[in-house]
Each structure stands twice: as structure tokens, then as C-alpha cells.
Amino acid sequence: MQLGDVPLKIVDTLLYDFAGEVVHPRGMISLPLTLGTSPLRKTCILKFLIVDIPSAYNVILGRPTFNAFRAIISTYHMKIKFPMVGGVGEAQTDTVQAHKCYVEAIKRGKKRMLEEASSEENPNK
């Protein structure tokens, strides 16, 4: 993200990746997140945990984010809607890009499983 020397807040929490492995966050940072398009867009300052692991995703949004925006999520439509003073704002994902991320995550998971199985079979390597 090219944050430079922005100080991270130290956190004492553990995360688990999609394979169930423990991930130690490097820290936490507060950043603005904007959803929607003008004029129906909304910005909230949110806290993000920073991790240093390879991933097909840039960011993973969860319940705290959706609660901050008072958002309704449709995974089927891959869309988020949130109330605004002048109407209803929405953010929709790029379905082609989402599919690419999903396929990449599956590939990385399979590769990791094969590497772990290989190291268990050959512990001296």
C-alpha cells in the first residue's frame, strides 16, 4: 500500500489464515475507506490489521466494516448496499476479478498442502 513510515499500533491478537494456520499481525492502522460512487458514496475511518503473508486478496472486509457503513451484503449479487441521506449507496465487485482471486486462493492452498505433505514424507530435506 506504500504507507512508508506510518507507525502501526501494536496489537496482541492472532489471526488464522484460510488453511487454519496462525498469522501474527504486524500491527493495526486506521485508514479511510470509501464505498459507492458520487453522489451516493460514504467514507468511514476504519481499523485494519496489517499482515505480511502472500494472498490473492488486498483486503478482507468483515462485520465491523459492514456495521460501520450500516450495510447489507448480498454474496449472491456480490454487492453491498448502505443507507445515505439522499438514497441508497452501493458498491459492486468485479465478478471476473473476484473469480480470479478465488481460483488463485485455491491454487495457493493446494500448493501449500502439497509442500507440507512432501516435507512430512521427507523430513531431512
N, C-alpha and C. Protein backbone atom coordinates (compact mmCIF):
# COMPACT_ATOMS: atom_id res chain seq x y z
N MET A 1 0.81 -1.20 0.00
CA MET A 1 0.00 0.00 0.00
C MET A 1 0.85 1.26 0.00
N GLN A 2 2.15 1.11 0.07
CA GLN A 2 3.04 2.27 0.05
C GLN A 2 2.75 3.23 1.20
N LEU A 3 2.66 2.71 2.41
CA LEU A 3 2.37 3.55 3.57
C LEU A 3 3.62 4.22 4.13
N GLY A 4 4.78 3.83 3.66
CA GLY A 4 6.02 4.45 4.13
C GLY A 4 6.29 4.15 5.59
N ASP A 5 6.62 5.20 6.34
CA ASP A 5 6.97 5.05 7.76
C ASP A 5 5.80 5.34 8.69
N VAL A 6 4.60 5.06 8.26
CA VAL A 6 3.44 5.28 9.12
C VAL A 6 3.52 4.31 10.30
N PRO A 7 3.46 4.83 11.53
CA PRO A 7 3.55 3.93 12.69
C PRO A 7 2.31 3.05 12.82
N LEU A 8 2.54 1.78 13.08
CA LEU A 8 1.45 0.84 13.30
C LEU A 8 1.21 0.69 14.79
N LYS A 9 -0.05 0.60 15.16
CA LYS A 9 -0.39 0.35 16.56
C LYS A 9 -0.13 -1.14 16.84
N ILE A 10 0.55 -1.42 17.94
CA ILE A 10 0.85 -2.80 18.31
C ILE A 10 -0.44 -3.48 18.77
N VAL A 11 -0.65 -4.70 18.29
CA VAL A 11 -1.83 -5.47 18.69
C VAL A 11 -1.38 -6.82 19.23
N ASP A 12 -2.11 -7.30 20.19
CA ASP A 12 -1.81 -8.60 20.79
C ASP A 12 -2.96 -9.55 20.47
N THR A 13 -3.04 -9.92 19.21
CA THR A 13 -4.10 -10.82 18.77
C THR A 13 -3.55 -11.74 17.70
N LEU A 14 -4.18 -12.85 17.52
CA LEU A 14 -3.79 -13.79 16.48
C LEU A 14 -4.89 -13.89 15.45
N LEU A 15 -4.50 -14.13 14.23
CA LEU A 15 -5.44 -14.39 13.14
C LEU A 15 -5.18 -15.79 12.63
N TYR A 16 -6.12 -16.31 11.89
CA TYR A 16 -5.96 -17.61 11.26
C TYR A 16 -6.21 -17.46 9.78
N ASP A 17 -5.30 -18.00 8.97
CA ASP A 17 -5.50 -17.90 7.53
C ASP A 17 -6.54 -18.92 7.07
N PHE A 18 -6.78 -18.96 5.77
CA PHE A 18 -7.83 -19.83 5.25
C PHE A 18 -7.51 -21.31 5.44
N ALA A 19 -6.24 -21.63 5.66
CA ALA A 19 -5.84 -23.02 5.90
C ALA A 19 -5.83 -23.36 7.39
N GLY A 20 -6.16 -22.39 8.24
CA GLY A 20 -6.20 -22.63 9.68
C GLY A 20 -4.88 -22.37 10.39
N GLU A 21 -3.89 -21.86 9.68
CA GLU A 21 -2.58 -21.57 10.27
C GLU A 21 -2.62 -20.23 11.01
N VAL A 22 -1.85 -20.12 12.08
CA VAL A 22 -1.79 -18.88 12.86
C VAL A 22 -1.00 -17.82 12.09
N VAL A 23 -1.53 -16.60 12.08
CA VAL A 23 -0.87 -15.45 11.46
C VAL A 23 -0.71 -14.38 12.52
N HIS A 24 0.50 -13.85 12.66
CA HIS A 24 0.76 -12.78 13.63
C HIS A 24 0.70 -11.43 12.90
N PRO A 25 -0.27 -10.58 13.25
CA PRO A 25 -0.35 -9.27 12.61
C PRO A 25 0.87 -8.41 12.94
N ARG A 26 1.30 -7.60 11.98
CA ARG A 26 2.41 -6.67 12.21
C ARG A 26 1.94 -5.47 13.01
N GLY A 27 0.64 -5.18 12.95
CA GLY A 27 0.09 -4.05 13.68
C GLY A 27 -1.26 -3.66 13.12
N MET A 28 -1.75 -2.52 13.61
CA MET A 28 -3.05 -2.02 13.18
C MET A 28 -2.89 -0.56 12.74
N ILE A 29 -3.70 -0.17 11.76
CA ILE A 29 -3.68 1.20 11.27
C ILE A 29 -5.11 1.64 10.98
N SER A 30 -5.38 2.92 11.20
CA SER A 30 -6.69 3.49 10.86
C SER A 30 -6.58 4.18 9.51
N LEU A 31 -7.48 3.83 8.60
CA LEU A 31 -7.49 4.40 7.26
C LEU A 31 -8.91 4.70 6.83
N PRO A 32 -9.08 5.69 5.94
CA PRO A 32 -10.42 5.94 5.41
C PRO A 32 -10.76 4.91 4.33
N LEU A 33 -11.99 4.45 4.33
CA LEU A 33 -12.49 3.55 3.29
C LEU A 33 -13.74 4.19 2.71
N THR A 34 -13.76 4.33 1.40
CA THR A 34 -14.91 4.92 0.71
C THR A 34 -15.59 3.86 -0.12
N LEU A 35 -16.91 3.75 0.04
CA LEU A 35 -17.73 2.84 -0.76
C LEU A 35 -18.72 3.65 -1.57
N GLY A 36 -19.06 3.14 -2.75
CA GLY A 36 -20.07 3.78 -3.58
C GLY A 36 -19.46 4.72 -4.60
N THR A 37 -20.35 5.35 -5.36
CA THR A 37 -19.94 6.33 -6.36
C THR A 37 -20.71 7.62 -6.12
N SER A 38 -20.10 8.72 -6.53
CA SER A 38 -20.70 10.03 -6.30
C SER A 38 -22.04 10.12 -7.03
N PRO A 39 -23.05 10.68 -6.44
CA PRO A 39 -23.10 11.37 -5.15
C PRO A 39 -23.42 10.44 -3.98
N LEU A 40 -23.67 9.16 -4.26
CA LEU A 40 -24.06 8.23 -3.18
C LEU A 40 -22.85 7.42 -2.73
N ARG A 41 -21.89 8.11 -2.16
CA ARG A 41 -20.72 7.42 -1.62
C ARG A 41 -20.54 7.84 -0.17
N LYS A 42 -19.92 6.95 0.59
CA LYS A 42 -19.75 7.18 2.02
C LYS A 42 -18.34 6.78 2.41
N THR A 43 -17.74 7.57 3.32
CA THR A 43 -16.39 7.28 3.81
C THR A 43 -16.44 7.10 5.32
N CYS A 44 -15.80 6.05 5.80
CA CYS A 44 -15.66 5.80 7.24
C CYS A 44 -14.18 5.55 7.53
N ILE A 45 -13.74 5.98 8.70
CA ILE A 45 -12.39 5.67 9.16
C ILE A 45 -12.47 4.32 9.87
N LEU A 46 -11.68 3.37 9.38
CA LEU A 46 -11.74 2.00 9.90
C LEU A 46 -10.36 1.53 10.33
N LYS A 47 -10.35 0.56 11.22
CA LYS A 47 -9.09 -0.04 11.67
C LYS A 47 -8.82 -1.29 10.85
N PHE A 48 -7.59 -1.41 10.36
CA PHE A 48 -7.18 -2.55 9.57
C PHE A 48 -5.98 -3.23 10.24
N LEU A 49 -6.01 -4.55 10.31
CA LEU A 49 -4.86 -5.31 10.78
C LEU A 49 -3.94 -5.53 9.58
N ILE A 50 -2.66 -5.30 9.78
CA ILE A 50 -1.66 -5.46 8.72
C ILE A 50 -0.97 -6.80 8.92
N VAL A 51 -0.96 -7.62 7.87
CA VAL A 51 -0.27 -8.91 7.91
C VAL A 51 0.70 -8.98 6.74
N ASP A 52 1.73 -9.75 6.91
CA ASP A 52 2.74 -9.90 5.86
C ASP A 52 2.74 -11.35 5.39
N ILE A 53 1.74 -11.69 4.59
CA ILE A 53 1.64 -13.04 4.04
C ILE A 53 1.20 -12.94 2.58
N PRO A 54 1.61 -13.89 1.76
CA PRO A 54 1.14 -13.88 0.38
C PRO A 54 -0.36 -14.17 0.34
N SER A 55 -1.08 -13.42 -0.47
CA SER A 55 -2.52 -13.60 -0.55
C SER A 55 -3.03 -13.12 -1.90
N ALA A 56 -4.10 -13.71 -2.36
CA ALA A 56 -4.76 -13.25 -3.58
C ALA A 56 -5.58 -12.00 -3.31
N TYR A 57 -5.76 -11.66 -2.04
CA TYR A 57 -6.61 -10.53 -1.66
C TYR A 57 -5.77 -9.37 -1.14
N ASN A 58 -6.21 -8.14 -1.42
CA ASN A 58 -5.56 -6.94 -0.87
C ASN A 58 -6.09 -6.63 0.52
N VAL A 59 -7.38 -6.86 0.71
CA VAL A 59 -8.03 -6.55 1.98
C VAL A 59 -9.22 -7.49 2.15
N ILE A 60 -9.50 -7.83 3.37
CA ILE A 60 -10.68 -8.63 3.68
C ILE A 60 -11.55 -7.80 4.60
N LEU A 61 -12.76 -7.54 4.15
CA LEU A 61 -13.71 -6.75 4.94
C LEU A 61 -14.60 -7.69 5.72
N GLY A 62 -14.91 -7.31 6.95
CA GLY A 62 -15.75 -8.15 7.80
C GLY A 62 -16.88 -7.38 8.44
N ARG A 63 -17.47 -7.99 9.44
CA ARG A 63 -18.64 -7.39 10.10
C ARG A 63 -18.40 -5.99 10.66
N PRO A 64 -17.24 -5.71 11.28
CA PRO A 64 -17.06 -4.34 11.79
C PRO A 64 -17.17 -3.28 10.68
N THR A 65 -16.63 -3.60 9.50
CA THR A 65 -16.72 -2.67 8.38
C THR A 65 -18.17 -2.49 7.94
N PHE A 66 -18.87 -3.60 7.76
CA PHE A 66 -20.26 -3.52 7.30
C PHE A 66 -21.15 -2.84 8.34
N ASN A 67 -20.85 -3.05 9.61
CA ASN A 67 -21.61 -2.36 10.66
C ASN A 67 -21.35 -0.86 10.64
N ALA A 68 -20.11 -0.46 10.40
CA ALA A 68 -19.78 0.97 10.34
C ALA A 68 -20.54 1.67 9.22
N PHE A 69 -20.74 0.98 8.12
CA PHE A 69 -21.48 1.54 6.99
C PHE A 69 -22.98 1.27 7.07
N ARG A 70 -23.39 0.50 8.11
CA ARG A 70 -24.79 0.06 8.23
C ARG A 70 -25.22 -0.65 6.95
N ALA A 71 -24.34 -1.49 6.43
CA ALA A 71 -24.51 -2.09 5.11
C ALA A 71 -25.24 -3.43 5.15
N ILE A 72 -25.85 -3.71 4.02
CA ILE A 72 -26.48 -5.01 3.75
C ILE A 72 -25.65 -5.65 2.64
N ILE A 73 -25.30 -6.92 2.82
CA ILE A 73 -24.43 -7.60 1.88
C ILE A 73 -25.21 -8.69 1.16
N SER A 74 -25.02 -8.78 -0.15
CA SER A 74 -25.56 -9.89 -0.93
C SER A 74 -24.38 -10.61 -1.57
N THR A 75 -24.04 -11.79 -1.05
CA THR A 75 -22.94 -12.54 -1.65
C THR A 75 -23.34 -13.07 -3.02
N TYR A 76 -24.61 -13.38 -3.20
CA TYR A 76 -25.08 -13.88 -4.50
C TYR A 76 -24.88 -12.81 -5.58
N HIS A 77 -25.25 -11.57 -5.28
CA HIS A 77 -25.12 -10.49 -6.25
C HIS A 77 -23.75 -9.80 -6.18
N MET A 78 -22.95 -10.18 -5.19
CA MET A 78 -21.63 -9.59 -4.97
C MET A 78 -21.75 -8.06 -4.89
N LYS A 79 -22.68 -7.63 -4.03
CA LYS A 79 -23.00 -6.21 -3.91
C LYS A 79 -23.20 -5.85 -2.44
N ILE A 80 -22.84 -4.62 -2.10
CA ILE A 80 -23.06 -4.06 -0.77
C ILE A 80 -23.94 -2.83 -0.94
N LYS A 81 -24.98 -2.72 -0.12
CA LYS A 81 -25.83 -1.52 -0.14
C LYS A 81 -25.83 -0.92 1.26
N PHE A 82 -25.87 0.42 1.31
CA PHE A 82 -25.83 1.12 2.59
C PHE A 82 -26.67 2.38 2.52
N PRO A 83 -27.31 2.75 3.64
CA PRO A 83 -28.20 3.92 3.64
C PRO A 83 -27.41 5.23 3.57
N MET A 84 -27.98 6.17 2.85
CA MET A 84 -27.41 7.52 2.71
C MET A 84 -28.54 8.52 2.92
N VAL A 85 -28.19 9.76 3.20
CA VAL A 85 -29.20 10.80 3.36
C VAL A 85 -29.99 10.97 2.07
N GLY A 86 -29.33 10.91 0.92
CA GLY A 86 -30.00 11.13 -0.36
C GLY A 86 -30.44 9.88 -1.08
N GLY A 87 -30.41 8.73 -0.42
CA GLY A 87 -30.81 7.49 -1.08
C GLY A 87 -30.05 6.30 -0.54
N VAL A 88 -29.79 5.35 -1.42
CA VAL A 88 -29.08 4.13 -1.04
C VAL A 88 -27.81 4.04 -1.88
N GLY A 89 -26.67 4.00 -1.20
CA GLY A 89 -25.40 3.83 -1.89
C GLY A 89 -25.13 2.36 -2.10
N GLU A 90 -24.33 2.06 -3.11
CA GLU A 90 -23.98 0.66 -3.34
C GLU A 90 -22.58 0.53 -3.91
N ALA A 91 -21.99 -0.60 -3.63
CA ALA A 91 -20.68 -0.96 -4.18
C ALA A 91 -20.81 -2.38 -4.71
N GLN A 92 -20.36 -2.58 -5.93
CA GLN A 92 -20.45 -3.90 -6.54
C GLN A 92 -19.06 -4.31 -6.99
N THR A 93 -18.76 -5.59 -6.82
CA THR A 93 -17.45 -6.09 -7.19
C THR A 93 -17.38 -6.42 -8.67
N ASP A 94 -16.17 -6.55 -9.13
CA ASP A 94 -15.90 -7.01 -10.49
C ASP A 94 -15.91 -8.54 -10.42
N THR A 95 -16.94 -9.16 -10.99
CA THR A 95 -17.09 -10.61 -10.84
C THR A 95 -15.95 -11.39 -11.49
N VAL A 96 -15.40 -10.89 -12.58
CA VAL A 96 -14.28 -11.57 -13.24
C VAL A 96 -13.07 -11.55 -12.31
N GLN A 97 -12.77 -10.40 -11.73
CA GLN A 97 -11.63 -10.29 -10.81
C GLN A 97 -11.86 -11.13 -9.56
N ALA A 98 -13.08 -11.15 -9.05
CA ALA A 98 -13.39 -11.96 -7.87
C ALA A 98 -13.15 -13.44 -8.16
N HIS A 99 -13.53 -13.89 -9.34
CA HIS A 99 -13.30 -15.29 -9.72
C HIS A 99 -11.80 -15.59 -9.80
N LYS A 100 -11.03 -14.66 -10.36
CA LYS A 100 -9.58 -14.85 -10.45
C LYS A 100 -8.96 -14.97 -9.06
N CYS A 101 -9.40 -14.13 -8.12
CA CYS A 101 -8.89 -14.20 -6.74
C CYS A 101 -9.24 -15.54 -6.11
N TYR A 102 -10.46 -16.00 -6.34
CA TYR A 102 -10.89 -17.28 -5.78
C TYR A 102 -10.03 -18.42 -6.33
N VAL A 103 -9.82 -18.45 -7.64
CA VAL A 103 -9.01 -19.50 -8.26
C VAL A 103 -7.58 -19.45 -7.73
N GLU A 104 -7.02 -18.25 -7.61
CA GLU A 104 -5.65 -18.09 -7.10
C GLU A 104 -5.55 -18.58 -5.65
N ALA A 105 -6.53 -18.28 -4.84
CA ALA A 105 -6.52 -18.73 -3.44
C ALA A 105 -6.57 -20.25 -3.37
N ILE A 106 -7.37 -20.87 -4.22
CA ILE A 106 -7.44 -22.34 -4.26
C ILE A 106 -6.10 -22.92 -4.69
N LYS A 107 -5.48 -22.35 -5.73
CA LYS A 107 -4.18 -22.84 -6.20
C LYS A 107 -3.12 -22.76 -5.10
N ARG A 108 -3.09 -21.62 -4.40
CA ARG A 108 -2.10 -21.45 -3.33
C ARG A 108 -2.34 -22.44 -2.20
N GLY A 109 -3.59 -22.68 -1.89
CA GLY A 109 -3.92 -23.65 -0.84
C GLY A 109 -3.47 -25.05 -1.22
N LYS A 110 -3.72 -25.45 -2.47
CA LYS A 110 -3.30 -26.78 -2.93
C LYS A 110 -1.78 -26.90 -2.93
N LYS A 111 -1.09 -25.86 -3.41
CA LYS A 111 0.37 -25.87 -3.45
C LYS A 111 0.93 -26.01 -2.04
N ARG A 112 0.35 -25.29 -1.10
CA ARG A 112 0.81 -25.34 0.29
C ARG A 112 0.60 -26.73 0.88
N MET A 113 -0.55 -27.33 0.59
CA MET A 113 -0.83 -28.68 1.10
C MET A 113 0.16 -29.68 0.53
N LEU A 114 0.50 -29.56 -0.76
CA LEU A 114 1.46 -30.47 -1.38
C LEU A 114 2.85 -30.28 -0.77
N GLU A 115 3.24 -29.03 -0.52
CA GLU A 115 4.54 -28.77 0.10
C GLU A 115 4.62 -29.35 1.50
N GLU A 116 3.54 -29.21 2.27
CA GLU A 116 3.51 -29.75 3.63
C GLU A 116 3.56 -31.27 3.61
N ALA A 117 2.83 -31.89 2.69
CA ALA A 117 2.83 -33.35 2.59
C ALA A 117 4.21 -33.85 2.20
N SER A 118 4.87 -33.13 1.28
CA SER A 118 6.21 -33.52 0.85
C SER A 118 7.22 -33.40 1.99
N SER A 119 7.12 -32.34 2.78
CA SER A 119 8.06 -32.16 3.89
C SER A 119 7.84 -33.19 4.99
N GLU A 120 6.60 -33.66 5.15
CA GLU A 120 6.32 -34.70 6.14
C GLU A 120 6.87 -36.05 5.69
N GLU A 121 6.83 -36.30 4.37
CA GLU A 121 7.35 -37.56 3.84
C GLU A 121 8.87 -37.58 3.85
N ASN A 122 9.49 -36.42 3.63
CA ASN A 122 10.95 -36.30 3.58
C ASN A 122 11.42 -35.28 4.61
N PRO A 123 11.43 -35.62 5.89
CA PRO A 123 11.76 -34.64 6.94
C PRO A 123 13.21 -34.15 6.89
N ASN A 124 14.12 -34.85 6.21
CA ASN A 124 15.53 -34.45 6.16
C ASN A 124 15.80 -33.39 5.10
N LYS A 125 14.85 -33.09 4.25
CA LYS A 125 15.07 -32.10 3.19
C LYS A 125 14.83 -30.71 3.68
